[in-house]
Protein backbone atom coordinates (compact mmCIF):
# COMPACT_ATOMS: atom_id res chain seq x y z
CA MET A 1 -61.69 9.58 7.47
CA LYS A 2 -59.64 6.69 7.44
CA SER A 3 -56.81 8.68 5.72
CA ARG A 4 -56.71 11.19 8.30
CA LEU A 5 -56.07 8.97 10.64
CA LEU A 6 -53.56 6.84 8.89
CA ILE A 7 -51.35 10.02 8.62
CA PRO A 8 -50.82 10.82 12.24
CA LEU A 9 -50.60 7.39 13.00
CA ALA A 10 -47.93 6.47 10.39
CA CYS A 11 -45.89 10.22 12.47
CA LEU A 12 -46.36 8.12 15.30
CA LEU A 13 -44.83 5.13 14.20
CA LEU A 14 -42.07 6.73 12.30
CA LEU A 15 -41.23 8.51 15.91
CA LEU A 16 -41.46 5.60 17.30
CA ALA A 17 -39.13 3.03 15.22
CA SER A 18 -37.00 6.72 15.14
CA THR A 19 -36.42 6.72 18.88
CA PRO A 20 -33.46 4.62 20.38
CA ALA A 21 -34.37 1.81 21.63
CA SER A 22 -32.82 2.18 24.86
CA ALA A 23 -34.81 4.85 26.04
CA ALA A 24 -35.01 4.26 29.86
CA SER A 25 -36.35 1.98 31.88
CA SER A 26 -38.78 2.66 34.37
CA ALA A 27 -35.39 4.27 37.30
CA GLY A 28 -34.39 6.25 33.75
CA GLU A 29 -31.75 4.71 33.08
CA PRO A 30 -30.92 3.90 29.24
CA LEU A 31 -30.80 0.22 28.95
CA SER A 32 -28.82 -0.29 26.03
CA GLN A 33 -26.12 1.48 27.66
CA ALA A 34 -26.07 -0.05 31.11
CA GLU A 35 -25.68 -3.30 29.98
CA ALA A 36 -22.94 -2.02 27.69
CA MET A 37 -21.08 -0.87 30.79
CA ARG A 38 -22.22 -4.70 32.26
CA ARG A 39 -20.23 -6.20 29.95
CA LEU A 40 -16.80 -4.72 31.19
CA SER A 41 -18.08 -6.07 35.02
CA PHE A 42 -14.54 -8.42 34.49
CA MET A 43 -12.34 -5.15 34.69
CA ILE A 44 -14.14 -4.22 38.27
CA GLY A 45 -12.38 -4.71 41.32
CA ALA A 46 -8.24 -3.34 42.95
CA TRP A 47 -5.16 -5.24 40.97
CA ALA A 48 -1.38 -5.62 41.53
CA GLY A 49 1.36 -6.99 40.33
CA THR A 50 4.57 -6.45 38.42
CA GLY A 51 5.32 -4.87 34.81
CA TRP A 52 8.08 -3.84 32.54
CA THR A 53 8.17 -1.12 29.86
CA ILE A 54 11.01 -0.23 27.31
CA LEU A 55 11.78 3.50 28.27
CA PRO A 56 12.71 5.79 24.92
CA SER A 57 15.89 5.55 25.48
CA GLY A 58 16.26 1.45 24.61
CA ALA A 59 16.37 0.61 28.76
CA ARG A 60 14.26 -1.72 30.38
CA GLN A 61 12.66 -0.59 33.31
CA GLU A 62 10.78 -2.57 35.62
CA PHE A 63 7.90 -1.57 38.16
CA LEU A 64 5.02 -2.34 40.01
CA GLN A 65 1.12 -1.96 39.55
CA THR A 66 -1.48 -1.06 41.15
CA GLU A 67 -4.52 -0.27 39.27
CA TRP A 68 -8.35 0.77 40.42
CA ILE A 69 -11.10 0.14 38.94
CA ARG A 70 -14.13 0.94 39.93
CA TYR A 71 -18.15 2.19 38.71
CA GLN A 72 -18.83 5.80 38.52
CA ALA A 73 -21.39 7.90 38.11
CA GLY A 74 -24.84 5.54 38.37
CA ASP A 75 -22.36 2.27 37.12
CA LEU A 76 -22.32 4.22 33.75
CA VAL A 77 -18.75 5.29 33.29
CA ILE A 78 -16.11 3.39 35.02
CA SER A 79 -13.07 4.77 36.32
CA VAL A 80 -9.54 3.28 35.83
CA GLU A 81 -6.92 4.33 38.27
CA GLY A 82 -3.41 3.34 38.10
CA GLN A 83 -0.13 4.20 39.63
CA GLY A 84 3.42 2.45 38.77
CA ARG A 85 6.09 2.25 41.16
CA ASP A 86 10.16 1.82 40.43
CA LYS A 87 10.62 -1.64 41.11
CA ALA A 88 14.59 -1.26 42.20
CA ASP A 89 13.29 1.89 44.43
CA PRO A 90 9.38 1.97 45.42
CA ARG A 91 9.38 5.27 46.73
CA THR A 92 9.50 6.82 43.15
CA ILE A 93 6.51 7.29 40.90
CA VAL A 94 7.63 6.28 37.70
CA ASP A 95 3.20 6.67 36.16
CA SER A 96 0.76 8.25 37.59
CA ALA A 97 -2.60 7.51 34.60
CA LEU A 98 -6.56 8.11 35.09
CA ALA A 99 -8.77 6.61 31.82
CA VAL A 100 -12.29 7.14 31.67
CA ILE A 101 -14.63 4.31 29.76
CA ASN A 102 -18.22 4.78 28.42
CA TYR A 103 -20.78 3.95 26.05
CA ASN A 104 -22.68 6.10 24.01
CA ASP A 105 -25.94 4.53 23.32
CA VAL A 106 -27.02 6.48 20.26
CA THR A 107 -23.60 5.28 18.41
CA GLY A 108 -23.00 1.82 20.04
CA LYS A 109 -19.25 2.53 20.99
CA TYR A 110 -17.42 2.24 23.46
CA ARG A 111 -15.13 5.71 24.52
CA TRP A 112 -11.68 5.52 26.41
CA GLU A 113 -9.80 8.75 27.60
CA ALA A 114 -7.29 8.69 29.52
CA PHE A 115 -4.65 10.86 31.16
CA SER A 116 -1.01 9.89 31.87
CA ARG A 117 1.68 12.69 31.65
CA GLY A 118 0.40 16.10 30.20
CA PHE A 119 -1.33 14.00 27.84
CA VAL A 120 -4.94 12.75 26.74
CA THR A 121 -5.38 9.52 24.19
CA THR A 122 -9.30 9.31 22.80
CA VAL A 123 -10.50 6.05 21.36
CA GLU A 124 -12.64 3.55 20.80
CA PRO A 125 -11.30 0.36 21.97
CA VAL A 126 -12.58 -3.11 21.39
CA VAL A 127 -14.20 -4.96 24.03
CA GLY A 128 -14.25 -8.80 23.99
CA ASP A 129 -15.22 -11.30 26.09
CA HIS A 130 -12.78 -10.91 29.47
CA ARG A 131 -11.03 -8.75 26.56
CA PHE A 132 -10.42 -5.16 26.61
CA GLU A 133 -8.21 -3.56 23.38
CA TRP A 134 -7.12 0.07 22.86
CA SER A 135 -4.83 1.59 20.17
CA LEU A 136 -2.94 5.15 19.00
CA GLN A 137 -1.91 5.92 15.99
CA THR A 138 0.24 8.49 14.90
CA PRO A 139 1.61 9.44 11.74
CA THR A 140 5.12 7.21 12.45
CA PHE A 141 3.69 4.14 14.85
CA THR A 142 0.39 2.75 16.02
CA THR A 143 0.21 1.10 19.84
CA ARG A 144 -2.10 -0.74 21.42
CA TYR A 145 -2.71 -2.24 24.75
CA THR A 146 -4.27 -5.81 25.08
CA LEU A 147 -5.65 -6.31 28.13
CA THR A 148 -6.76 -10.44 28.76
CA PHE A 149 -8.71 -10.75 32.31
CA THR A 150 -9.37 -14.46 34.24
CA ASP A 151 -11.90 -13.99 37.04
CA THR A 152 -8.17 -13.49 39.08
CA ALA A 153 -5.66 -12.74 36.66
CA TRP A 154 -5.04 -9.49 34.60
CA HIS A 155 -2.39 -9.90 31.92
CA GLU A 156 -1.28 -6.36 28.98
CA ILE A 157 0.99 -6.31 26.54
CA GLY A 158 1.58 -3.27 24.75
CA GLU A 159 2.64 -3.36 21.01
CA THR A 160 4.05 -0.62 18.47
CA SER A 161 3.85 -1.34 14.89
CA VAL A 162 5.89 0.91 11.88
CA ASP A 163 5.16 -0.99 9.13
CA GLY A 164 0.77 -0.15 9.38
CA GLY A 165 -0.05 -3.30 11.92
CA GLN A 166 2.21 -5.49 9.42
CA SER A 167 4.46 -6.68 12.17
CA TRP A 168 4.70 -5.87 15.79
CA ARG A 169 6.74 -5.47 18.61
CA GLN A 170 6.36 -5.36 22.26
CA ASN A 171 7.17 -2.77 24.49
CA PHE A 172 5.51 -3.50 27.78
CA GLN A 173 3.58 -6.15 29.52
CA MET A 174 1.90 -6.22 33.03
CA ASP A 175 0.42 -9.10 35.10
CA LEU A 176 -1.92 -8.32 37.84
CA ARG A 177 -3.39 -10.14 40.70
CA ARG A 178 -6.78 -9.36 41.95
CA LEU A 179 -6.97 -8.36 45.34
CA TYR A 180 -10.74 -7.88 45.97
């Protein structure tokens, strides 16, 4: 009789052990996913400031930048909407981008999906304490963007490596202040 009870009990324990620990809270929201997204709360807000980039021609272009970062979809997705305007002629939009950040509680990884100039970039960013980094690899170069935040400031640099990450050359910088 004991062995008959042990088999179903073992099956039940195995089933419970294979269920993600983040199951659901009483509100039905995955706990680990919500907690992971809360780790990015330092990014939330409206931001504005200046920046520069090196164009493919080698010329340096300065721009005015505005970013709106907000929680979406029950706080389980973050949208990042940015618009850059030519510093010399603010009526001219030089970049317009949209990105989304989410967290997969099964894989335990964040995903950054960005849309800009007709391109889509999907990568796994590195998230730290008031830090966010994402990289894009092609067969010939790697570009990485490192964002650091304080309560009132966002500093971001972009760098490119053509030697597998042995050396980096900065080609982008942005310094923004929190509006709210």
